PDB file of N, CA and C in Angstrom:
ATOM      1  N   UNK A   1       9.954  51.296  -9.220  1.00  0.00           N
ATOM      2  CA  UNK A   1      10.191  50.525  -7.797  1.00  0.00           C
ATOM      3  C   UNK A   1      11.690  50.056  -7.297  1.00  0.00           C
ATOM      4  N   UNK A   2      11.793  51.111  -5.857  1.00  0.00           N
ATOM      5  CA  UNK A   2      13.203  51.012  -6.373  1.00  0.00           C
ATOM      6  C   UNK A   2      13.972  49.470  -5.444  1.00  0.00           C
ATOM      7  N   UNK A   3      13.011  49.227  -4.863  1.00  0.00           N
ATOM      8  CA  UNK A   3      12.850  47.632  -4.207  1.00  0.00           C
ATOM      9  C   UNK A   3      13.163  46.063  -4.504  1.00  0.00           C
ATOM     10  N   UNK A   4      12.786  46.332  -6.268  1.00  0.00           N
ATOM     11  CA  UNK A   4      13.275  45.054  -6.898  1.00  0.00           C
ATOM     12  C   UNK A   4      14.627  45.626  -7.544  1.00  0.00           C
ATOM     13  N   UNK A   5      15.192  44.182  -6.805  1.00  0.00           N
ATOM     14  CA  UNK A   5      16.667  45.094  -7.860  1.00  0.00           C
ATOM     15  C   UNK A   5      17.007  43.752  -9.187  1.00  0.00           C
ATOM     16  N   UNK A   6      18.264  44.016  -9.738  1.00  0.00           N
ATOM     17  CA  UNK A   6      18.312  43.357 -11.454  1.00  0.00           C
ATOM     18  C   UNK A   6      19.252  42.024 -10.065  1.00  0.00           C
ATOM     19  N   UNK A   7      19.719  42.062  -9.172  1.00  0.00           N
ATOM     20  CA  UNK A   7      19.745  41.146  -8.653  1.00  0.00           C
ATOM     21  C   UNK A   7      18.837  39.724  -8.657  1.00  0.00           C
ATOM     22  N   UNK A   8      17.905  40.434  -8.097  1.00  0.00           N
ATOM     23  CA  UNK A   8      16.530  39.414  -7.795  1.00  0.00           C
ATOM     24  C   UNK A   8      16.073  39.462  -8.565  1.00  0.00           C
ATOM     25  N   UNK A   9      16.195  39.579 -10.216  1.00  0.00           N
ATOM     26  CA  UNK A   9      15.449  39.678 -11.122  1.00  0.00           C
ATOM     27  C   UNK A   9      16.834  38.185 -11.072  1.00  0.00           C
ATOM     28  N   UNK A  10      17.714  38.808 -11.617  1.00  0.00           N
ATOM     29  CA  UNK A  10      19.102  37.593 -11.672  1.00  0.00           C
ATOM     30  C   UNK A  10      18.486  36.220 -11.384  1.00  0.00           C
ATOM     31  N   UNK A  11      18.185  36.122  -9.634  1.00  0.00           N
ATOM     32  CA  UNK A  11      17.818  35.372  -9.120  1.00  0.00           C
ATOM     33  C   UNK A  11      16.207  34.777  -9.673  1.00  0.00           C
ATOM     34  N   UNK A  12      15.820  35.311  -9.608  1.00  0.00           N
ATOM     35  CA  UNK A  12      14.312  34.991 -10.247  1.00  0.00           C
ATOM     36  C   UNK A  12      14.532  34.205 -12.046  1.00  0.00           C
ATOM     37  N   UNK A  13      15.154  34.520 -13.213  1.00  0.00           N
ATOM     38  CA  UNK A  13      15.686  34.135 -13.617  1.00  0.00           C
ATOM     39  C   UNK A  13      16.567  32.074 -13.969  1.00  0.00           C
ATOM     40  N   UNK A  14      17.391  32.437 -13.009  1.00  0.00           N
ATOM     41  CA  UNK A  14      17.878  31.843 -13.226  1.00  0.00           C
ATOM     42  C   UNK A  14      16.984  30.169 -12.425  1.00  0.00           C
ATOM     43  N   UNK A  15      15.994  30.524 -11.689  1.00  0.00           N
ATOM     44  CA  UNK A  15      15.530  29.668 -10.598  1.00  0.00           C
ATOM     45  C   UNK A  15      14.455  28.817 -11.740  1.00  0.00           C
ATOM     46  N   UNK A  16      14.641  29.735 -13.033  1.00  0.00           N
ATOM     47  CA  UNK A  16      13.411  29.261 -14.171  1.00  0.00           C
ATOM     48  C   UNK A  16      13.931  28.540 -15.153  1.00  0.00           C
ATOM     49  N   UNK A  17      15.671  29.001 -14.797  1.00  0.00           N
ATOM     50  CA  UNK A  17      16.156  28.112 -16.260  1.00  0.00           C
ATOM     51  C   UNK A  17      17.619  29.183 -16.032  1.00  0.00           C
ATOM     52  N   UNK A  18      18.132  28.206 -15.863  1.00  0.00           N
ATOM     53  CA  UNK A  18      20.363  28.332 -14.685  1.00  0.00           C
ATOM     54  C   UNK A  18      20.796  29.040 -16.324  1.00  0.00           C
ATOM     55  N   UNK A  19      20.253  28.183 -17.741  1.00  0.00           N
ATOM     56  CA  UNK A  19      21.509  27.945 -18.823  1.00  0.00           C
ATOM     57  C   UNK A  19      21.547  29.312 -19.196  1.00  0.00           C
ATOM     58  N   UNK A  20      21.102  29.950 -19.738  1.00  0.00           N
ATOM     59  CA  UNK A  20      21.525  31.482 -19.613  1.00  0.00           C
ATOM     60  C   UNK A  20      22.407  32.596 -18.710  1.00  0.00           C
ATOM     61  N   UNK A  21      23.256  33.015 -19.657  1.00  0.00           N
ATOM     62  CA  UNK A  21      23.964  34.128 -19.136  1.00  0.00           C
ATOM     63  C   UNK A  21      22.826  35.467 -18.871  1.00  0.00           C
ATOM     64  N   UNK A  22      22.585  35.553 -17.486  1.00  0.00           N
ATOM     65  CA  UNK A  22      21.398  36.368 -17.566  1.00  0.00           C
ATOM     66  C   UNK A  22      22.240  37.621 -17.163  1.00  0.00           C
ATOM     67  N   UNK A  23      23.305  37.764 -16.425  1.00  0.00           N
ATOM     68  CA  UNK A  23      23.758  39.290 -16.796  1.00  0.00           C
ATOM     69  C   UNK A  23      24.689  39.451 -17.421  1.00  0.00           C
ATOM     70  N   UNK A  24      25.284  38.808 -18.786  1.00  0.00           N
ATOM     71  CA  UNK A  24      25.652  39.606 -20.195  1.00  0.00           C
ATOM     72  C   UNK A  24      24.739  39.372 -21.949  1.00  0.00           C
ATOM     73  N   UNK A  25      23.654  38.478 -21.057  1.00  0.00           N
ATOM     74  CA  UNK A  25      23.649  38.274 -22.647  1.00  0.00           C
ATOM     75  C   UNK A  25      22.362  39.463 -23.329  1.00  0.00           C
ATOM     76  N   UNK A  26      22.224  39.990 -23.942  1.00  0.00           N
ATOM     77  CA  UNK A  26      20.988  40.839 -24.671  1.00  0.00           C
ATOM     78  C   UNK A  26      20.030  40.110 -25.982  1.00  0.00           C
ATOM     79  N   UNK A  27      20.589  38.749 -25.690  1.00  0.00           N
ATOM     80  CA  UNK A  27      19.631  38.127 -26.622  1.00  0.00           C
ATOM     81  C   UNK A  27      19.045  37.084 -25.991  1.00  0.00           C
ATOM     82  N   UNK A  28      18.425  36.807 -25.671  1.00  0.00           N
ATOM     83  CA  UNK A  28      17.336  35.451 -24.269  1.00  0.00           C
ATOM     84  C   UNK A  28      16.607  35.893 -25.326  1.00  0.00           C
ATOM     85  N   UNK A  29      15.664  35.979 -25.556  1.00  0.00           N
ATOM     86  CA  UNK A  29      14.619  35.949 -26.847  1.00  0.00           C
ATOM     87  C   UNK A  29      15.417  35.689 -28.483  1.00  0.00           C
ATOM     88  N   UNK A  30      15.551  36.470 -28.371  1.00  0.00           N
ATOM     89  CA  UNK A  30      16.100  36.276 -30.474  1.00  0.00           C
ATOM     90  C   UNK A  30      17.233  35.689 -30.450  1.00  0.00           C
ATOM     91  N   UNK A  31      17.758  35.274 -29.345  1.00  0.00           N
ATOM     92  CA  UNK A  31      19.019  33.587 -30.225  1.00  0.00           C
ATOM     93  C   UNK A  31      18.202  32.396 -28.978  1.00  0.00           C
ATOM     94  N   UNK A  32      17.334  32.929 -28.684  1.00  0.00           N
ATOM     95  CA  UNK A  32      16.684  31.095 -28.574  1.00  0.00           C
ATOM     96  C   UNK A  32      17.358  30.837 -27.010  1.00  0.00           C
ATOM     97  N   UNK A  33      18.148  31.068 -26.466  1.00  0.00           N
ATOM     98  CA  UNK A  33      18.410  30.531 -24.946  1.00  0.00           C
ATOM     99  C   UNK A  33      17.083  30.401 -24.603  1.00  0.00           C
ATOM    100  N   UNK A  34      16.268  31.188 -24.105  1.00  0.00           N
ATOM    101  CA  UNK A  34      14.816  31.277 -23.730  1.00  0.00           C
ATOM    102  C   UNK A  34      13.829  31.173 -23.859  1.00  0.00           C
ATOM    103  N   UNK A  35      12.645  29.721 -24.153  1.00  0.00           N
ATOM    104  CA  UNK A  35      11.967  29.665 -24.647  1.00  0.00           C
ATOM    105  C   UNK A  35      10.107  29.930 -24.821  1.00  0.00           C
ATOM    106  N   UNK A  36       9.140  30.055 -24.937  1.00  0.00           N
ATOM    107  CA  UNK A  36       7.720  30.637 -24.600  1.00  0.00           C
ATOM    108  C   UNK A  36       7.763  30.273 -23.559  1.00  0.00           C
ATOM    109  N   UNK A  37       7.938  28.675 -23.388  1.00  0.00           N
ATOM    110  CA  UNK A  37       7.184  28.089 -22.150  1.00  0.00           C
ATOM    111  C   UNK A  37       8.583  28.654 -20.997  1.00  0.00           C
ATOM    112  N   UNK A  38       9.653  29.388 -21.120  1.00  0.00           N
ATOM    113  CA  UNK A  38      10.679  29.682 -20.443  1.00  0.00           C
ATOM    114  C   UNK A  38       9.511  31.411 -19.794  1.00  0.00           C
ATOM    115  N   UNK A  39       9.180  31.940 -20.479  1.00  0.00           N
ATOM    116  CA  UNK A  39       8.704  33.804 -20.648  1.00  0.00           C
ATOM    117  C   UNK A  39       7.869  33.144 -20.124  1.00  0.00           C
ATOM    118  N   UNK A  40       6.356  32.060 -20.053  1.00  0.00           N
ATOM    119  CA  UNK A  40       5.152  32.299 -19.447  1.00  0.00           C
ATOM    120  C   UNK A  40       5.427  31.675 -17.408  1.00  0.00           C
ATOM    121  N   UNK A  41       6.604  31.386 -17.660  1.00  0.00           N
ATOM    122  CA  UNK A  41       7.158  30.874 -16.384  1.00  0.00           C
ATOM    123  C   UNK A  41       7.987  32.349 -15.316  1.00  0.00           C
ATOM    124  N   UNK A  42       8.361  32.839 -15.989  1.00  0.00           N
ATOM    125  CA  UNK A  42       9.053  33.986 -16.152  1.00  0.00           C
ATOM    126  C   UNK A  42       7.725  34.934 -15.378  1.00  0.00           C
ATOM    127  N   UNK A  43       6.759  34.907 -15.959  1.00  0.00           N
ATOM    128  CA  UNK A  43       5.642  36.322 -16.282  1.00  0.00           C
ATOM    129  C   UNK A  43       4.919  35.408 -14.617  1.00  0.00           C
ATOM    130  N   UNK A  44       5.013  34.130 -14.402  1.00  0.00           N
ATOM    131  CA  UNK A  44       3.847  34.209 -13.944  1.00  0.00           C
ATOM    132  C   UNK A  44       4.180  33.986 -12.285  1.00  0.00           C
ATOM    133  N   UNK A  45       6.298  34.049 -11.987  1.00  0.00           N
ATOM    134  CA  UNK A  45       7.368  33.914 -10.782  1.00  0.00           C
ATOM    135  C   UNK A  45       7.610  35.346 -10.818  1.00  0.00           C
ATOM    136  N   UNK A  46       7.391  36.355 -11.563  1.00  0.00           N
ATOM    137  CA  UNK A  46       7.171  38.162 -11.188  1.00  0.00           C
ATOM    138  C   UNK A  46       6.707  38.137 -10.607  1.00  0.00           C
ATOM    139  N   UNK A  47       4.613  37.478 -10.786  1.00  0.00           N
ATOM    140  CA  UNK A  47       3.669  38.003 -10.360  1.00  0.00           C
ATOM    141  C   UNK A  47       4.183  37.358  -8.350  1.00  0.00           C
ATOM    142  N   UNK A  48       4.145  36.209  -8.781  1.00  0.00           N
ATOM    143  CA  UNK A  48       4.550  35.456  -7.686  1.00  0.00           C
ATOM    144  C   UNK A  48       5.434  36.093  -6.512  1.00  0.00           C
ATOM    145  N   UNK A  49       6.814  37.171  -7.174  1.00  0.00           N
ATOM    146  CA  UNK A  49       7.777  37.139  -6.066  1.00  0.00           C
ATOM    147  C   UNK A  49       7.782  38.248  -5.274  1.00  0.00           C
ATOM    148  N   UNK A  50       7.498  39.090  -6.785  1.00  0.00           N
ATOM    149  CA  UNK A  50       6.926  41.031  -6.973  1.00  0.00           C
ATOM    150  C   UNK A  50       5.166  41.447  -6.477  1.00  0.00           C
ATOM    151  N   UNK A  51       4.959  40.336  -6.992  1.00  0.00           N
ATOM    152  CA  UNK A  51       4.191  41.222  -6.993  1.00  0.00           C
ATOM    153  C   UNK A  51       3.478  41.996  -8.265  1.00  0.00           C
ATOM    154  N   UNK A  52       3.863  41.827  -9.575  1.00  0.00           N
ATOM    155  CA  UNK A  52       3.454  42.729 -10.039  1.00  0.00           C
ATOM    156  C   UNK A  52       2.671  41.967 -11.497  1.00  0.00           C
ATOM    157  N   UNK A  53       1.761  42.086 -11.937  1.00  0.00           N
ATOM    158  CA  UNK A  53       1.008  41.390 -13.020  1.00  0.00           C
ATOM    159  C   UNK A  53       1.897  41.750 -14.513  1.00  0.00           C
ATOM    160  N   UNK A  54       1.618  40.771 -14.890  1.00  0.00           N
ATOM    161  CA  UNK A  54       2.456  41.288 -16.535  1.00  0.00           C
ATOM    162  C   UNK A  54       1.456  40.965 -17.551  1.00  0.00           C
ATOM    163  N   UNK A  55       0.987  42.298 -18.287  1.00  0.00           N
ATOM    164  CA  UNK A  55      -0.197  42.296 -18.983  1.00  0.00           C
ATOM    165  C   UNK A  55       0.421  41.351 -20.295  1.00  0.00           C
ATOM    166  N   UNK A  56      -0.572  41.050 -21.163  1.00  0.00           N
ATOM    167  CA  UNK A  56      -0.071  39.973 -22.518  1.00  0.00           C
ATOM    168  C   UNK A  56       0.634  41.139 -23.583  1.00  0.00           C
ATOM    169  N   UNK A  57       0.245  42.520 -23.160  1.00  0.00           N
ATOM    170  CA  UNK A  57       0.461  43.598 -24.305  1.00  0.00           C
ATOM    171  C   UNK A  57       2.320  43.977 -24.184  1.00  0.00           C
ATOM    172  N   UNK A  58       2.162  42.827 -22.902  1.00  0.00           N
ATOM    173  CA  UNK A  58       3.746  43.373 -22.692  1.00  0.00           C
ATOM    174  C   UNK A  58       5.114  42.075 -22.648  1.00  0.00           C
ATOM    175  N   UNK A  59       4.225  41.031 -23.235  1.00  0.00           N
ATOM    176  CA  UNK A  59       5.119  40.011 -23.621  1.00  0.00           C
ATOM    177  C   UNK A  59       5.480  40.019 -25.127  1.00  0.00           C
ATOM    178  N   UNK A  60       6.621  41.002 -25.252  1.00  0.00           N
ATOM    179  CA  UNK A  60       7.131  41.229 -26.909  1.00  0.00           C
ATOM    180  C   UNK A  60       8.835  40.342 -25.598  1.00  0.00           C
ATOM    181  N   UNK A  61       9.210  40.569 -27.397  1.00  0.00           N
ATOM    182  CA  UNK A  61      10.710  39.734 -26.793  1.00  0.00           C
ATOM    183  C   UNK A  61      11.278  41.174 -26.750  1.00  0.00           C
ATOM    184  N   UNK A  62      11.404  42.657 -26.973  1.00  0.00           N
ATOM    185  CA  UNK A  62      12.040  42.960 -26.694  1.00  0.00           C
ATOM    186  C   UNK A  62      12.341  43.154 -24.367  1.00  0.00           C
ATOM    187  N   UNK A  63      10.759  42.635 -24.098  1.00  0.00           N
ATOM    188  CA  UNK A  63      11.049  43.432 -22.459  1.00  0.00           C
ATOM    189  C   UNK A  63      11.411  41.545 -22.180  1.00  0.00           C
ATOM    190  N   UNK A  64      11.882  40.778 -22.594  1.00  0.00           N
ATOM    191  CA  UNK A  64      12.386  39.264 -22.248  1.00  0.00           C
ATOM    192  C   UNK A  64      13.739  39.112 -23.134  1.00  0.00           C
ATOM    193  N   UNK A  65      14.332  40.381 -24.607  1.00  0.00           N
ATOM    194  CA  UNK A  65      15.611  39.758 -23.736  1.00  0.00           C
ATOM    195  C   UNK A  65      17.386  40.108 -23.539  1.00  0.00           C
ATOM    196  N   UNK A  66      16.548  41.203 -22.163  1.00  0.00           N
ATOM    197  CA  UNK A  66      17.931  40.607 -21.161  1.00  0.00           C
ATOM    198  C   UNK A  66      17.003  40.875 -19.440  1.00  0.00           C
ATOM    199  N   UNK A  67      18.106  40.759 -18.882  1.00  0.00           N
ATOM    200  CA  UNK A  67      17.932  40.829 -17.384  1.00  0.00           C
ATOM    201  C   UNK A  67      17.718  42.167 -17.677  1.00  0.00           C
ATOM    202  N   UNK A  68      18.411  42.865 -17.809  1.00  0.00           N
ATOM    203  CA  UNK A  68      17.804  44.651 -18.017  1.00  0.00           C
ATOM    204  C   UNK A  68      17.250  44.683 -18.008  1.00  0.00           C
ATOM    205  N   UNK A  69      16.389  44.506 -19.023  1.00  0.00           N
ATOM    206  CA  UNK A  69      14.915  44.910 -20.227  1.00  0.00           C
ATOM    207  C   UNK A  69      13.509  44.233 -18.665  1.00  0.00           C
ATOM    208  N   UNK A  70      14.038  43.550 -18.403  1.00  0.00           N
ATOM    209  CA  UNK A  70      12.574  42.454 -17.709  1.00  0.00           C
ATOM    210  C   UNK A  70      13.046  42.963 -16.048  1.00  0.00           C
ATOM    211  N   UNK A  71      14.044  43.885 -15.706  1.00  0.00           N
ATOM    212  CA  UNK A  71      14.279  44.113 -14.845  1.00  0.00           C
ATOM    213  C   UNK A  71      13.492  45.681 -15.309  1.00  0.00           C
ATOM    214  N   UNK A  72      13.943  46.164 -16.065  1.00  0.00           N
ATOM    215  CA  UNK A  72      13.206  47.516 -15.827  1.00  0.00           C
ATOM    216  C   UNK A  72      11.699  47.021 -16.537  1.00  0.00           C
ATOM    217  N   UNK A  73      10.859  46.091 -17.125  1.00  0.00           N
ATOM    218  CA  UNK A  73       9.573  46.420 -17.361  1.00  0.00           C
ATOM    219  C   UNK A  73       9.371  45.900 -16.288  1.00  0.00           C
ATOM    220  N   UNK A  74       9.620  45.042 -14.920  1.00  0.00           N
ATOM    221  CA  UNK A  74       9.139  45.192 -14.070  1.00  0.00           C
ATOM    222  C   UNK A  74       8.587  46.269 -12.984  1.00  0.00           C
ATOM    223  N   UNK A  75      10.323  47.475 -13.139  1.00  0.00           N
ATOM    224  CA  UNK A  75      10.045  47.974 -12.733  1.00  0.00           C
ATOM    225  C   UNK A  75       8.967  49.609 -12.473  1.00  0.00           C
ATOM    226  N   UNK A  76       8.461  49.114 -14.113  1.00  0.00           N
ATOM    227  CA  UNK A  76       7.816  50.514 -14.873  1.00  0.00           C
ATOM    228  C   UNK A  76       6.381  50.217 -14.453  1.00  0.00           C
ATOM    229  N   UNK A  77       6.162  48.020 -14.416  1.00  0.00           N
ATOM    230  CA  UNK A  77       5.121  48.107 -14.186  1.00  0.00           C
ATOM    231  C   UNK A  77       4.408  48.222 -12.605  1.00  0.00           C
ATOM    232  N   UNK A  78       4.921  48.627 -12.304  1.00  0.00           N
ATOM    233  CA  UNK A  78       4.697  47.947 -10.258  1.00  0.00           C
ATOM    234  C   UNK A  78       4.420  50.003  -9.958  1.00  0.00           C
ATOM    235  N   UNK A  79       5.242  50.723 -10.719  1.00  0.00           N
ATOM    236  CA  UNK A  79       5.278  52.534 -10.660  1.00  0.00           C
ATOM    237  C   UNK A  79       4.104  52.668 -11.101  1.00  0.00           C
ATOM    238  N   UNK A  80       3.144  51.289 -12.163  1.00  0.00           N
ATOM    239  CA  UNK A  80       2.208  52.875 -12.657  1.00  0.00           C
ATOM    240  C   UNK A  80       0.776  51.235 -11.831  1.00  0.00           C
ATOM    241  N   UNK A  81       1.210  51.188 -10.646  1.00  0.00           N
ATOM    242  CA  UNK A  81       0.067  50.055  -9.663  1.00  0.00           C
ATOM    243  C   UNK A  81      -0.122  51.890  -9.104  1.00  0.00           C
TER     244      UNK A  81
END
């Protein structure tokens, strides 16, 4: 989905947890920069903001280790709808 920008995803992530450097970090989960509560909040925010449901099978570290990975997952899920 072209109208979901990486910048919009980063803004959403900052609303959930301001601490990590979403522009450069590629180890958000592996480096424990975000925790399971953050991930649940991110999943909920993705649904609210972009109207994209994230199925449980997609909640894996590879999809949440960077803003780029989260953005790619959102775009892929939006395209599948």
